[in-house]
């Protein structure tokens, strides 16, 4: 039940330095990292509101503008759904 096998573990065209880190010397996107990270887009992960179920979760940030859950491939959760 790892994220790498979950239908909610996705890539997007949205740029984020956590997902696509830059080499500090060349400012190029780093390649050949030991593992990738992606967004978790489970509909049961809410933004800045109380979870809707007792096995849910929410993400918050200081400005209430935007937040995202980004996971490594071997992170697992109870929201898992096979791809």
N, C-alpha and C. Protein backbone atom coordinates (compact mmCIF):
# COMPACT_ATOMS: atom_id res chain seq x y z
N UNK A 1 0.82 -1.19 0.00
CA UNK A 1 0.00 0.00 0.00
C UNK A 1 0.86 1.26 0.00
N UNK A 2 1.87 1.23 -0.81
CA UNK A 2 2.76 2.38 -0.94
C UNK A 2 2.20 3.40 -1.92
N UNK A 3 2.61 4.64 -1.78
CA UNK A 3 2.18 5.70 -2.68
C UNK A 3 2.49 5.38 -4.14
N UNK A 4 3.63 4.75 -4.40
CA UNK A 4 4.02 4.48 -5.79
C UNK A 4 3.01 3.61 -6.52
N UNK A 5 2.14 2.90 -5.79
CA UNK A 5 1.13 2.05 -6.40
C UNK A 5 -0.28 2.64 -6.29
N UNK A 6 -0.39 3.87 -5.83
CA UNK A 6 -1.69 4.48 -5.57
C UNK A 6 -2.11 5.39 -6.72
N UNK A 7 -3.39 5.36 -7.05
CA UNK A 7 -3.88 6.19 -8.16
C UNK A 7 -3.86 7.68 -7.84
N UNK A 8 -3.74 8.05 -6.58
CA UNK A 8 -3.71 9.47 -6.21
C UNK A 8 -2.29 10.05 -6.19
N UNK A 9 -1.27 9.22 -6.42
CA UNK A 9 0.12 9.68 -6.43
C UNK A 9 0.44 10.09 -7.85
N UNK A 10 0.45 11.40 -8.12
CA UNK A 10 0.51 11.87 -9.50
C UNK A 10 1.61 12.90 -9.73
N UNK A 11 1.94 13.05 -10.99
CA UNK A 11 2.80 14.15 -11.42
C UNK A 11 1.91 15.16 -12.13
N UNK A 12 2.33 16.40 -12.11
CA UNK A 12 1.59 17.45 -12.81
C UNK A 12 2.60 18.32 -13.55
N UNK A 13 2.11 19.22 -14.36
CA UNK A 13 2.99 20.17 -15.04
C UNK A 13 3.37 21.31 -14.10
N UNK A 14 2.74 21.34 -12.94
CA UNK A 14 3.04 22.37 -11.94
C UNK A 14 4.47 22.20 -11.45
N UNK A 15 5.23 23.29 -11.42
CA UNK A 15 6.63 23.24 -11.02
C UNK A 15 6.74 23.43 -9.51
N UNK A 16 7.53 22.61 -8.87
CA UNK A 16 7.82 22.77 -7.45
C UNK A 16 9.24 22.28 -7.20
N UNK A 17 10.01 23.05 -6.44
CA UNK A 17 11.42 22.69 -6.21
C UNK A 17 11.59 21.44 -5.34
N UNK A 18 10.56 21.05 -4.61
CA UNK A 18 10.65 19.78 -3.86
C UNK A 18 10.60 18.61 -4.84
N UNK A 19 9.74 18.71 -5.85
CA UNK A 19 9.60 17.64 -6.83
C UNK A 19 10.72 17.69 -7.87
N UNK A 20 11.12 18.88 -8.27
CA UNK A 20 12.17 19.08 -9.28
C UNK A 20 13.28 19.96 -8.72
N UNK A 21 14.11 19.43 -7.82
CA UNK A 21 15.15 20.27 -7.23
C UNK A 21 16.19 20.70 -8.25
N UNK A 22 16.71 21.90 -8.05
CA UNK A 22 17.75 22.43 -8.94
C UNK A 22 19.12 22.24 -8.32
N UNK A 23 20.08 21.97 -9.19
CA UNK A 23 21.48 21.93 -8.76
C UNK A 23 21.88 23.35 -8.39
N UNK A 24 22.41 23.58 -7.19
CA UNK A 24 22.74 24.94 -6.76
C UNK A 24 23.87 25.59 -7.57
N UNK A 25 24.68 24.78 -8.24
CA UNK A 25 25.78 25.33 -9.03
C UNK A 25 25.38 25.65 -10.46
N UNK A 26 24.57 24.78 -11.06
CA UNK A 26 24.22 24.96 -12.48
C UNK A 26 22.80 25.48 -12.69
N UNK A 27 21.97 25.41 -11.66
CA UNK A 27 20.55 25.79 -11.74
C UNK A 27 19.76 24.91 -12.71
N UNK A 28 20.32 23.76 -13.05
CA UNK A 28 19.62 22.78 -13.89
C UNK A 28 18.84 21.84 -12.97
N UNK A 29 17.75 21.28 -13.52
CA UNK A 29 16.99 20.29 -12.75
C UNK A 29 17.88 19.08 -12.49
N UNK A 30 17.93 18.65 -11.24
CA UNK A 30 18.77 17.51 -10.87
C UNK A 30 18.13 16.23 -11.41
N UNK A 31 18.95 15.38 -12.00
CA UNK A 31 18.49 14.11 -12.54
C UNK A 31 19.15 12.98 -11.77
N UNK A 32 18.64 11.79 -11.95
CA UNK A 32 19.22 10.59 -11.33
C UNK A 32 19.23 10.66 -9.81
N UNK A 33 18.18 11.22 -9.23
CA UNK A 33 18.04 11.18 -7.78
C UNK A 33 17.66 9.77 -7.36
N UNK A 34 17.90 9.38 -6.11
CA UNK A 34 17.64 7.99 -5.71
C UNK A 34 16.16 7.60 -5.76
N UNK A 35 15.24 8.55 -5.70
CA UNK A 35 13.82 8.27 -5.81
C UNK A 35 13.09 9.55 -6.18
N UNK A 36 11.88 9.41 -6.72
CA UNK A 36 11.11 10.59 -7.07
C UNK A 36 10.06 10.85 -5.99
N UNK A 37 9.56 12.06 -5.98
CA UNK A 37 8.45 12.42 -5.11
C UNK A 37 7.34 13.01 -5.97
N UNK A 38 6.10 12.86 -5.52
CA UNK A 38 4.95 13.33 -6.28
C UNK A 38 3.90 13.89 -5.34
N UNK A 39 2.91 14.52 -5.94
CA UNK A 39 1.77 15.02 -5.18
C UNK A 39 0.83 13.88 -4.82
N UNK A 40 0.25 13.97 -3.64
CA UNK A 40 -0.88 13.12 -3.26
C UNK A 40 -2.13 13.94 -3.51
N UNK A 41 -3.00 13.47 -4.39
CA UNK A 41 -4.22 14.19 -4.74
C UNK A 41 -5.47 13.44 -4.28
N UNK A 42 -5.36 12.73 -3.17
CA UNK A 42 -6.53 12.03 -2.64
C UNK A 42 -7.61 13.05 -2.29
N UNK A 43 -8.85 12.79 -2.69
CA UNK A 43 -9.92 13.72 -2.35
C UNK A 43 -10.23 13.76 -0.86
N UNK A 44 -9.68 12.82 -0.11
CA UNK A 44 -9.90 12.82 1.34
C UNK A 44 -8.85 13.63 2.09
N UNK A 45 -7.90 14.21 1.36
CA UNK A 45 -6.94 15.15 1.96
C UNK A 45 -7.53 16.54 1.74
N UNK A 46 -7.93 17.18 2.80
CA UNK A 46 -8.59 18.48 2.67
C UNK A 46 -7.60 19.62 2.88
N UNK A 47 -8.00 20.80 2.50
CA UNK A 47 -7.16 21.99 2.67
C UNK A 47 -7.80 22.92 3.70
N UNK A 48 -7.09 23.12 4.76
CA UNK A 48 -7.45 24.08 5.80
C UNK A 48 -8.86 23.91 6.34
N UNK A 49 -9.27 22.67 6.47
CA UNK A 49 -10.54 22.37 7.11
C UNK A 49 -10.42 21.05 7.85
N UNK A 50 -11.29 20.84 8.77
CA UNK A 50 -11.27 19.61 9.55
C UNK A 50 -11.48 18.42 8.61
N UNK A 51 -10.72 17.32 8.80
CA UNK A 51 -10.92 16.14 7.96
C UNK A 51 -12.39 15.69 8.00
N UNK A 52 -12.87 15.17 6.86
CA UNK A 52 -14.28 14.81 6.76
C UNK A 52 -14.57 13.39 7.27
N UNK A 53 -13.53 12.58 7.44
CA UNK A 53 -13.69 11.23 7.98
C UNK A 53 -12.62 10.99 9.04
N UNK A 54 -12.84 9.98 9.88
CA UNK A 54 -11.90 9.75 10.98
C UNK A 54 -10.56 9.17 10.53
N UNK A 55 -10.42 8.82 9.26
CA UNK A 55 -9.13 8.37 8.73
C UNK A 55 -8.59 9.36 7.70
N UNK A 56 -9.10 10.57 7.70
CA UNK A 56 -8.67 11.60 6.75
C UNK A 56 -7.52 12.44 7.28
N UNK A 57 -7.15 13.43 6.50
CA UNK A 57 -6.06 14.34 6.87
C UNK A 57 -6.34 15.69 6.23
N UNK A 58 -5.65 16.70 6.71
CA UNK A 58 -5.75 18.03 6.13
C UNK A 58 -4.35 18.62 6.00
N UNK A 59 -4.19 19.54 5.09
CA UNK A 59 -2.94 20.27 4.96
C UNK A 59 -3.23 21.75 5.21
N UNK A 60 -2.29 22.41 5.86
CA UNK A 60 -2.42 23.84 6.13
C UNK A 60 -1.11 24.53 5.85
N UNK A 61 -1.17 25.83 5.65
CA UNK A 61 0.04 26.64 5.59
C UNK A 61 -0.27 27.95 6.31
N UNK A 62 0.74 28.75 6.52
CA UNK A 62 0.58 29.96 7.30
C UNK A 62 -0.31 31.01 6.66
N UNK A 63 -0.35 31.05 5.36
CA UNK A 63 -1.08 32.11 4.67
C UNK A 63 -2.49 31.69 4.24
N UNK A 64 -2.80 30.43 4.35
CA UNK A 64 -4.06 29.86 3.87
C UNK A 64 -4.24 30.06 2.37
N UNK A 65 -3.12 30.23 1.66
CA UNK A 65 -3.17 30.42 0.21
C UNK A 65 -3.13 29.09 -0.52
N UNK A 66 -2.13 28.26 -0.22
CA UNK A 66 -1.97 27.01 -0.92
C UNK A 66 -1.09 26.07 -0.11
N UNK A 67 -1.42 24.82 -0.14
CA UNK A 67 -0.59 23.79 0.50
C UNK A 67 -0.76 22.51 -0.30
N UNK A 68 0.21 21.62 -0.22
CA UNK A 68 0.16 20.36 -0.94
C UNK A 68 0.82 19.28 -0.11
N UNK A 69 0.38 18.07 -0.30
CA UNK A 69 1.02 16.92 0.32
C UNK A 69 1.87 16.25 -0.75
N UNK A 70 3.16 16.18 -0.52
CA UNK A 70 4.11 15.55 -1.44
C UNK A 70 4.73 14.38 -0.69
N UNK A 71 4.76 13.21 -1.33
CA UNK A 71 5.26 12.02 -0.66
C UNK A 71 6.32 11.30 -1.48
N UNK A 72 7.10 10.50 -0.79
CA UNK A 72 8.07 9.61 -1.44
C UNK A 72 7.35 8.31 -1.80
N UNK A 73 7.94 7.49 -2.69
CA UNK A 73 7.22 6.33 -3.20
C UNK A 73 6.86 5.27 -2.16
N UNK A 74 7.61 5.18 -1.08
CA UNK A 74 7.34 4.14 -0.10
C UNK A 74 6.56 4.65 1.11
N UNK A 75 6.07 5.90 1.05
CA UNK A 75 5.15 6.37 2.07
C UNK A 75 3.84 5.65 1.85
N UNK A 76 3.12 5.35 2.88
CA UNK A 76 1.85 4.67 2.73
C UNK A 76 0.78 5.31 3.60
N UNK A 77 -0.47 5.15 3.22
CA UNK A 77 -1.54 5.73 4.02
C UNK A 77 -2.81 4.92 3.88
N UNK A 78 -3.77 5.20 4.72
CA UNK A 78 -5.04 4.48 4.71
C UNK A 78 -5.93 4.89 3.55
N UNK A 79 -5.57 5.93 2.82
CA UNK A 79 -6.36 6.38 1.67
C UNK A 79 -5.96 5.66 0.38
N UNK A 80 -5.05 4.71 0.45
CA UNK A 80 -4.53 4.01 -0.72
C UNK A 80 -5.64 3.43 -1.58
N UNK A 81 -5.53 3.65 -2.89
CA UNK A 81 -6.38 2.97 -3.89
C UNK A 81 -5.48 2.56 -5.04
N UNK A 82 -5.49 1.29 -5.37
CA UNK A 82 -4.63 0.76 -6.43
C UNK A 82 -4.84 1.48 -7.73
N UNK A 83 -3.73 1.73 -8.47
CA UNK A 83 -3.80 2.38 -9.78
C UNK A 83 -4.61 1.58 -10.76
